[in-house]
Amino acid sequence: MKQLFAAALLLGGLASQPSAAEIGCDPPTSMICTDAQLRALKDDLDARADLIAEAPMHQAFRSELEAANTEWEAAIDDCAAAANAAFCYRRRLEQRIAVLDLLKRLFAGPHLPVSAVKACTARGEPASACYEGLFAAADTVYAIAARAFETSLAAVNIQTPTAPDAASEASSAEEAFRTWRTAECKALSQSPMIEQGEAGGLLACQIQLTWKELATLAELLGRKPHWSERVLAYAPRFRACFDRGRDEDVDLRIIDVFSGDAGEIIRLMGSRGRYDCSAVEATVSSFLPAQSRSARPGEAEAIFVPVQGSRPPEAVLAAPGGRKADCYETQAIIAAEARLSGWIAVSHCD
């Protein structure tokens, strides 16, 4: 069934037209541009919208995203007439930022966290608010994806042979998945194998099932592997950059790989600052301090930490300039031919 679903996607091809998530500063949204807090949220939203515009995704999905953005723009325009306009604008902007954060992670970032519980613990937010925010964003993004592929309702039901009977009576892919998700989490909550009162409860379970479904759909919707998922391919260049950089700094780790004017750039963080390295196979052509003091959007969402003596990766992640170590989940990586070993650490935090 997945092959059938994927074949249907090929009929439409991939597209990269800009997303219409950005908003202007003309009335009725002028308060967004005059209020400092709202303006900062708007700038955050615009930066995420730019990343989504550049991300590879199927035209069917992008069309649904455009429709969702149109609905959102109408909703934010309504804030001008709200009793507390500033609160309304802030809430709408924060909700949309959460949606674009998830879209960015799906299509332009490393893989999603496995555990909603660990994600909320790492972020340090009040637990209930964190779960509610993650769930709302995941459900909204799932709805956009499901509507793009309404013709393949069965694709939702193949996830498990124990999908509830009610799912087969659903009138849409959205409804089928939500029915199955609710039933599945209720069944898991009653299982003797699950500790009662487990952190996150039903909501965390539903977030994780939705993340898992979205990860599958994103591969069919045009997502390309993130650099953190291709360490073995990058290994010779990573090794060369580390060897060159040790003359400049200590506690070096790779925090991003991106396209520059002169080709692909490997960005490293050390105890003294950030560096940009260009390499072809095992030969470094350039190793310089990063020109921009500002981090790129998505920078350090994934980090490659090389083995450094007997130090655990957490010690390097927590080195100056980094985030707190408990923001990350780590996976060991070994590239024998390039004599490179270490860990990929993927962030749970914003």
Protein backbone atom coordinates (compact mmCIF):
# COMPACT_ATOMS: atom_id res chain seq x y z
CA MET A 1 0.00 0.00 0.00
CA LYS A 2 2.86 2.36 0.77
CA GLN A 3 4.25 1.67 -2.71
CA LEU A 4 0.86 2.60 -4.19
CA PHE A 5 0.78 5.73 -2.07
CA ALA A 6 4.30 6.69 -3.16
CA ALA A 7 3.45 6.06 -6.82
CA ALA A 8 0.54 8.46 -6.56
CA LEU A 9 2.93 11.12 -5.32
CA LEU A 10 5.11 10.79 -8.40
CA LEU A 11 2.26 11.99 -10.58
CA GLY A 12 2.51 15.47 -9.14
CA GLY A 13 6.30 15.92 -8.86
CA LEU A 14 8.14 18.11 -6.39
CA ALA A 15 7.92 21.89 -6.18
CA SER A 16 9.68 24.64 -4.27
CA GLN A 17 7.43 27.68 -4.59
CA PRO A 18 7.56 30.07 -1.61
CA SER A 19 5.24 29.49 1.32
CA ALA A 20 2.82 32.29 2.18
CA ALA A 21 3.31 32.14 5.94
CA GLU A 22 4.89 35.58 6.25
CA ILE A 23 2.71 38.55 7.17
CA GLY A 24 3.15 42.21 6.35
CA CYS A 25 2.96 45.33 8.49
CA ASP A 26 -0.08 46.98 6.94
CA PRO A 27 -3.36 47.29 8.88
CA PRO A 28 -5.03 45.34 10.38
CA THR A 29 -1.74 43.75 11.55
CA SER A 30 0.08 47.00 12.29
CA MET A 31 0.18 46.25 16.05
CA ILE A 32 2.44 43.30 15.27
CA CYS A 33 5.05 45.70 13.92
CA THR A 34 4.78 48.37 16.63
CA ASP A 35 4.73 46.09 19.69
CA ALA A 36 8.29 44.90 20.43
CA GLN A 37 7.26 41.45 21.68
CA LEU A 38 4.93 40.84 18.75
CA ARG A 39 7.53 42.10 16.27
CA ALA A 40 10.05 39.61 17.66
CA LEU A 41 7.52 36.80 17.20
CA LYS A 42 6.82 37.99 13.66
CA ASP A 43 10.55 37.93 12.85
CA ASP A 44 10.80 34.38 14.24
CA LEU A 45 7.83 33.36 12.14
CA ASP A 46 9.29 34.92 8.98
CA ALA A 47 12.63 33.12 9.47
CA ARG A 48 10.86 29.78 9.75
CA ALA A 49 8.68 30.56 6.73
CA ASP A 50 11.81 31.19 4.65
CA LEU A 51 13.21 27.78 5.60
CA ILE A 52 9.94 26.07 4.70
CA ALA A 53 9.91 27.90 1.35
CA GLU A 54 13.31 26.39 0.53
CA ALA A 55 12.57 22.88 1.79
CA PRO A 56 11.83 20.10 -0.68
CA MET A 57 8.21 19.00 -0.55
CA HIS A 58 5.56 17.69 -2.89
CA GLN A 59 3.33 20.19 -4.69
CA ALA A 60 0.19 18.57 -3.28
CA PHE A 61 1.44 19.22 0.25
CA ARG A 62 2.60 22.74 -0.54
CA SER A 63 -0.82 23.57 -1.99
CA GLU A 64 -2.51 22.41 1.20
CA LEU A 65 -0.01 24.42 3.24
CA GLU A 66 -0.86 27.53 1.21
CA ALA A 67 -4.55 26.96 1.94
CA ALA A 68 -3.80 26.54 5.65
CA ASN A 69 -1.79 29.76 5.63
CA THR A 70 -4.70 31.61 4.03
CA GLU A 71 -6.99 30.42 6.82
CA TRP A 72 -4.41 31.45 9.41
CA GLU A 73 -3.99 34.92 7.90
CA ALA A 74 -7.76 35.43 8.14
CA ALA A 75 -7.69 34.31 11.78
CA ILE A 76 -4.89 36.70 12.68
CA ASP A 77 -6.66 39.57 10.92
CA ASP A 78 -9.61 38.94 13.24
CA CYS A 79 -7.35 39.82 16.21
CA ALA A 80 -7.61 43.51 15.29
CA ALA A 81 -11.19 43.49 16.57
CA ALA A 82 -10.51 41.34 19.67
CA ALA A 83 -11.05 42.75 23.16
CA ASN A 84 -7.37 42.05 23.95
CA ALA A 85 -5.75 42.37 20.55
CA ALA A 86 -2.17 41.98 21.80
CA PHE A 87 -2.97 38.68 23.53
CA CYS A 88 -4.83 37.42 20.46
CA TYR A 89 -1.93 38.29 18.13
CA ARG A 90 0.63 36.72 20.48
CA ARG A 91 -1.32 33.49 20.81
CA ARG A 92 -1.91 33.20 17.05
CA LEU A 93 1.76 33.91 16.27
CA GLU A 94 3.02 31.41 18.85
CA GLN A 95 0.67 28.75 17.52
CA ARG A 96 1.85 29.28 13.95
CA ILE A 97 5.51 29.31 15.00
CA ALA A 98 4.95 25.91 16.62
CA VAL A 99 3.45 24.59 13.37
CA LEU A 100 6.33 25.94 11.26
CA ASP A 101 8.85 24.59 13.78
CA LEU A 102 7.42 21.13 13.26
CA LEU A 103 7.33 21.57 9.47
CA LYS A 104 10.93 22.79 9.53
CA ARG A 105 11.97 19.76 11.57
CA LEU A 106 10.10 17.43 9.20
CA PHE A 107 11.42 18.81 5.92
CA ALA A 108 14.62 20.77 6.69
CA GLY A 109 15.93 19.32 9.92
CA PRO A 110 17.03 16.17 11.74
CA HIS A 111 14.59 13.43 12.67
CA LEU A 112 11.85 14.13 15.19
CA PRO A 113 12.35 13.17 18.85
CA VAL A 114 11.18 9.68 19.77
CA SER A 115 9.71 10.70 23.10
CA ALA A 116 7.35 13.60 23.77
CA VAL A 117 8.05 13.14 27.48
CA LYS A 118 11.78 13.65 27.02
CA ALA A 119 11.13 16.60 24.71
CA CYS A 120 9.00 18.39 27.30
CA THR A 121 11.41 17.53 30.11
CA ALA A 122 14.36 18.94 28.13
CA ARG A 123 12.54 22.15 27.26
CA GLY A 124 11.86 22.89 30.91
CA GLU A 125 8.35 24.20 30.22
CA PRO A 126 5.33 23.44 32.41
CA ALA A 127 4.47 19.88 31.41
CA SER A 128 0.79 20.34 30.60
CA ALA A 129 1.41 23.41 28.42
CA CYS A 130 4.27 21.66 26.61
CA TYR A 131 2.22 18.58 25.78
CA GLU A 132 -0.73 20.67 24.64
CA GLY A 133 1.50 22.78 22.39
CA LEU A 134 3.23 19.77 20.84
CA PHE A 135 -0.07 18.01 20.27
CA ALA A 136 -1.77 21.03 18.68
CA ALA A 137 1.12 21.55 16.25
CA ALA A 138 1.36 17.85 15.38
CA ASP A 139 -2.38 17.55 14.80
CA THR A 140 -2.44 20.65 12.58
CA VAL A 141 0.48 19.43 10.45
CA TYR A 142 -1.06 15.98 10.18
CA ALA A 143 -4.33 17.53 8.96
CA ILE A 144 -2.47 19.38 6.20
CA ALA A 145 -0.72 16.17 5.13
CA ALA A 146 -3.87 14.06 5.27
CA ARG A 147 -5.88 16.49 3.16
CA ALA A 148 -3.17 16.44 0.53
CA PHE A 149 -3.68 12.71 0.09
CA GLU A 150 -7.38 12.29 0.69
CA THR A 151 -7.57 9.82 -2.18
CA SER A 152 -5.56 7.24 -0.22
CA LEU A 153 -7.58 6.71 2.94
CA ALA A 154 -6.30 3.15 3.16
CA ALA A 155 -2.74 4.43 3.59
CA VAL A 156 -3.68 5.64 7.05
CA ASN A 157 -5.18 2.32 8.07
CA ILE A 158 -2.16 0.18 7.17
CA GLN A 159 -0.24 1.30 10.25
CA THR A 160 -1.59 -1.51 12.41
CA PRO A 161 -3.70 -4.63 11.94
CA THR A 162 -5.53 -3.70 15.14
CA ALA A 163 -6.98 -0.45 13.81
CA PRO A 164 -10.47 -0.01 15.30
CA ASP A 165 -13.53 -0.85 13.24
CA ALA A 166 -14.66 2.76 13.43
CA ALA A 167 -11.69 3.78 11.28
CA SER A 168 -13.09 1.85 8.31
CA GLU A 169 -16.25 3.95 8.55
CA ALA A 170 -14.36 7.25 8.54
CA SER A 171 -15.17 9.79 5.86
CA SER A 172 -11.61 11.14 5.65
CA ALA A 173 -8.00 10.23 6.28
CA GLU A 174 -7.91 12.71 9.15
CA GLU A 175 -10.87 11.11 10.87
CA ALA A 176 -9.56 7.57 10.37
CA PHE A 177 -6.16 8.34 11.85
CA ARG A 178 -7.55 10.24 14.81
CA THR A 179 -9.99 7.43 15.59
CA TRP A 180 -7.21 4.88 15.48
CA ARG A 181 -4.84 7.10 17.48
CA THR A 182 -7.32 7.63 20.30
CA ALA A 183 -8.21 3.93 20.51
CA GLU A 184 -4.58 2.83 20.36
CA CYS A 185 -3.50 5.15 23.18
CA LYS A 186 -6.44 4.17 25.36
CA ALA A 187 -5.56 0.51 24.83
CA LEU A 188 -1.91 1.14 25.69
CA SER A 189 -2.88 3.06 28.83
CA GLN A 190 -4.79 0.01 30.06
CA SER A 191 -2.01 -2.44 29.30
CA PRO A 192 -0.37 -4.12 32.33
CA MET A 193 2.98 -3.52 30.58
CA ILE A 194 2.54 0.26 30.89
CA GLU A 195 3.12 1.92 34.24
CA GLN A 196 -0.08 3.65 35.31
CA GLY A 197 0.20 7.39 35.64
CA GLU A 198 3.18 7.43 33.28
CA ALA A 199 4.42 10.95 32.44
CA GLY A 200 2.50 12.56 29.65
CA GLY A 201 -0.31 10.01 29.68
CA LEU A 202 -2.69 9.81 26.75
CA LEU A 203 -1.58 13.12 25.26
CA ALA A 204 2.10 12.14 25.09
CA CYS A 205 1.09 8.84 23.49
CA GLN A 206 -0.96 10.63 20.83
CA ILE A 207 1.87 13.08 20.11
CA GLN A 208 4.32 10.23 19.56
CA LEU A 209 1.96 8.32 17.26
CA THR A 210 1.37 11.49 15.24
CA TRP A 211 5.10 12.22 15.01
CA LYS A 212 5.69 8.67 13.78
CA GLU A 213 2.99 9.01 11.14
CA LEU A 214 4.32 12.40 10.04
CA ALA A 215 7.85 11.05 9.70
CA THR A 216 6.55 8.37 7.32
CA LEU A 217 4.48 10.84 5.33
CA ALA A 218 7.34 13.34 5.08
CA GLU A 219 9.50 10.78 3.25
CA LEU A 220 6.72 10.39 0.70
CA LEU A 221 6.18 14.14 0.52
CA GLY A 222 9.66 14.94 -0.77
CA ARG A 223 11.84 15.18 2.35
CA LYS A 224 15.57 14.74 1.74
CA PRO A 225 17.83 13.20 4.41
CA HIS A 226 19.33 15.74 6.82
CA TRP A 227 23.12 15.90 7.03
CA SER A 228 22.96 14.28 10.49
CA GLU A 229 21.50 11.19 8.81
CA ARG A 230 24.38 11.04 6.31
CA VAL A 231 27.44 11.13 8.56
CA LEU A 232 29.08 8.16 6.83
CA ALA A 233 28.96 10.01 3.50
CA TYR A 234 30.45 13.14 5.11
CA ALA A 235 32.99 11.26 7.23
CA PRO A 236 36.18 12.03 5.22
CA ARG A 237 35.35 15.75 5.15
CA PHE A 238 34.40 15.81 8.83
CA ARG A 239 37.67 14.12 9.76
CA ALA A 240 39.68 16.58 7.65
CA CYS A 241 37.96 19.58 9.22
CA PHE A 242 38.55 18.27 12.74
CA ASP A 243 42.24 17.63 12.01
CA ARG A 244 42.63 21.16 10.63
CA GLY A 245 40.63 22.81 13.40
CA ARG A 246 42.51 21.33 16.33
CA ASP A 247 45.26 23.84 15.66
CA GLU A 248 42.72 26.62 16.29
CA ASP A 249 40.47 25.41 19.11
CA VAL A 250 39.38 22.59 21.43
CA ASP A 251 36.07 20.83 22.09
CA LEU A 252 35.24 21.04 18.39
CA ARG A 253 31.91 19.63 17.24
CA ILE A 254 29.99 19.98 13.97
CA ILE A 255 26.77 21.96 14.35
CA ASP A 256 25.58 22.42 10.75
CA VAL A 257 26.20 21.62 7.09
CA PHE A 258 24.78 24.04 4.53
CA SER A 259 25.23 25.39 1.00
CA GLY A 260 27.34 28.53 0.56
CA ASP A 261 28.50 30.59 -2.40
CA ALA A 262 31.58 28.40 -2.82
CA GLY A 263 29.85 25.08 -2.19
CA GLU A 264 28.94 23.11 0.90
CA ILE A 265 30.09 24.53 4.24
CA ILE A 266 30.73 22.49 7.39
CA ARG A 267 30.19 24.65 10.47
CA LEU A 268 31.97 23.76 13.69
CA MET A 269 31.70 25.08 17.23
CA GLY A 270 34.67 25.17 19.59
CA SER A 271 35.38 26.67 22.99
CA ARG A 272 36.50 29.92 21.33
CA GLY A 273 33.79 30.32 18.71
CA ARG A 274 32.32 29.08 15.43
CA TYR A 275 34.23 28.12 12.28
CA ASP A 276 33.38 27.40 8.64
CA CYS A 277 35.27 24.62 6.88
CA SER A 278 35.27 23.72 3.19
CA ALA A 279 36.70 20.34 2.21
CA VAL A 280 36.79 18.03 -0.78
CA GLU A 281 37.07 14.45 0.45
CA ALA A 282 40.02 14.54 2.87
CA THR A 283 41.47 17.89 1.72
CA VAL A 284 40.55 21.15 3.45
CA SER A 285 40.45 24.17 1.15
CA SER A 286 39.35 26.73 3.75
CA PHE A 287 39.01 26.93 7.53
CA LEU A 288 37.98 30.36 8.86
CA PRO A 289 36.01 31.89 11.73
CA ALA A 290 32.30 32.09 10.84
CA GLN A 291 31.58 35.47 9.23
CA SER A 292 28.18 35.87 10.87
CA ARG A 293 27.85 36.19 14.63
CA SER A 294 24.23 35.09 14.42
CA ALA A 295 23.36 31.41 14.32
CA ARG A 296 21.64 30.10 11.22
CA PRO A 297 18.03 28.95 11.75
CA GLY A 298 18.22 25.29 12.68
CA GLU A 299 21.90 25.48 13.65
CA ALA A 300 22.80 22.97 16.40
CA GLU A 301 19.50 21.09 16.10
CA ALA A 302 21.87 18.22 15.37
CA ILE A 303 25.52 18.01 16.45
CA PHE A 304 28.28 15.56 15.60
CA VAL A 305 30.61 15.13 18.58
CA PRO A 306 33.86 13.26 17.82
CA VAL A 307 35.41 10.89 20.31
CA GLN A 308 37.76 12.95 22.46
CA GLY A 309 39.74 10.68 24.79
CA SER A 310 37.52 9.28 27.50
CA ARG A 311 35.21 12.29 27.67
CA PRO A 312 31.50 11.50 27.25
CA PRO A 313 29.60 13.45 24.56
CA GLU A 314 27.62 15.28 27.24
CA ALA A 315 30.81 16.99 28.44
CA VAL A 316 31.49 18.39 24.97
CA LEU A 317 27.86 19.35 24.31
CA ALA A 318 27.86 21.39 27.51
CA ALA A 319 31.11 23.18 26.57
CA PRO A 320 31.03 26.98 26.13
CA GLY A 321 28.71 28.14 23.36
CA GLY A 322 26.46 25.09 23.43
CA ARG A 323 23.06 24.20 24.84
CA LYS A 324 22.53 22.20 28.00
CA ALA A 325 23.47 18.57 27.42
CA ASP A 326 20.08 17.16 28.46
CA CYS A 327 18.52 18.85 25.41
CA TYR A 328 19.96 16.05 23.27
CA GLU A 329 19.52 12.37 22.57
CA THR A 330 22.69 10.72 21.25
CA GLN A 331 23.49 7.85 18.90
CA ALA A 332 26.96 6.36 18.40
CA ILE A 333 28.47 6.63 14.89
CA ILE A 334 31.58 4.85 13.55
CA ALA A 335 33.04 5.44 10.07
CA ALA A 336 35.96 3.02 10.03
CA GLU A 337 37.43 3.92 6.63
CA ALA A 338 37.61 7.61 7.53
CA ARG A 339 38.92 6.85 11.04
CA LEU A 340 36.03 8.88 12.45
CA SER A 341 33.95 7.93 15.46
CA GLY A 342 31.65 9.86 17.73
CA TRP A 343 28.03 10.59 18.38
CA ILE A 344 25.16 12.33 16.61
CA ALA A 345 23.18 14.33 19.15
CA VAL A 346 19.71 15.51 18.11
CA SER A 347 18.06 18.32 20.04
CA HIS A 348 14.70 18.13 21.82
CA CYS A 349 14.79 21.83 22.66
CA ASP A 350 13.57 24.80 20.61
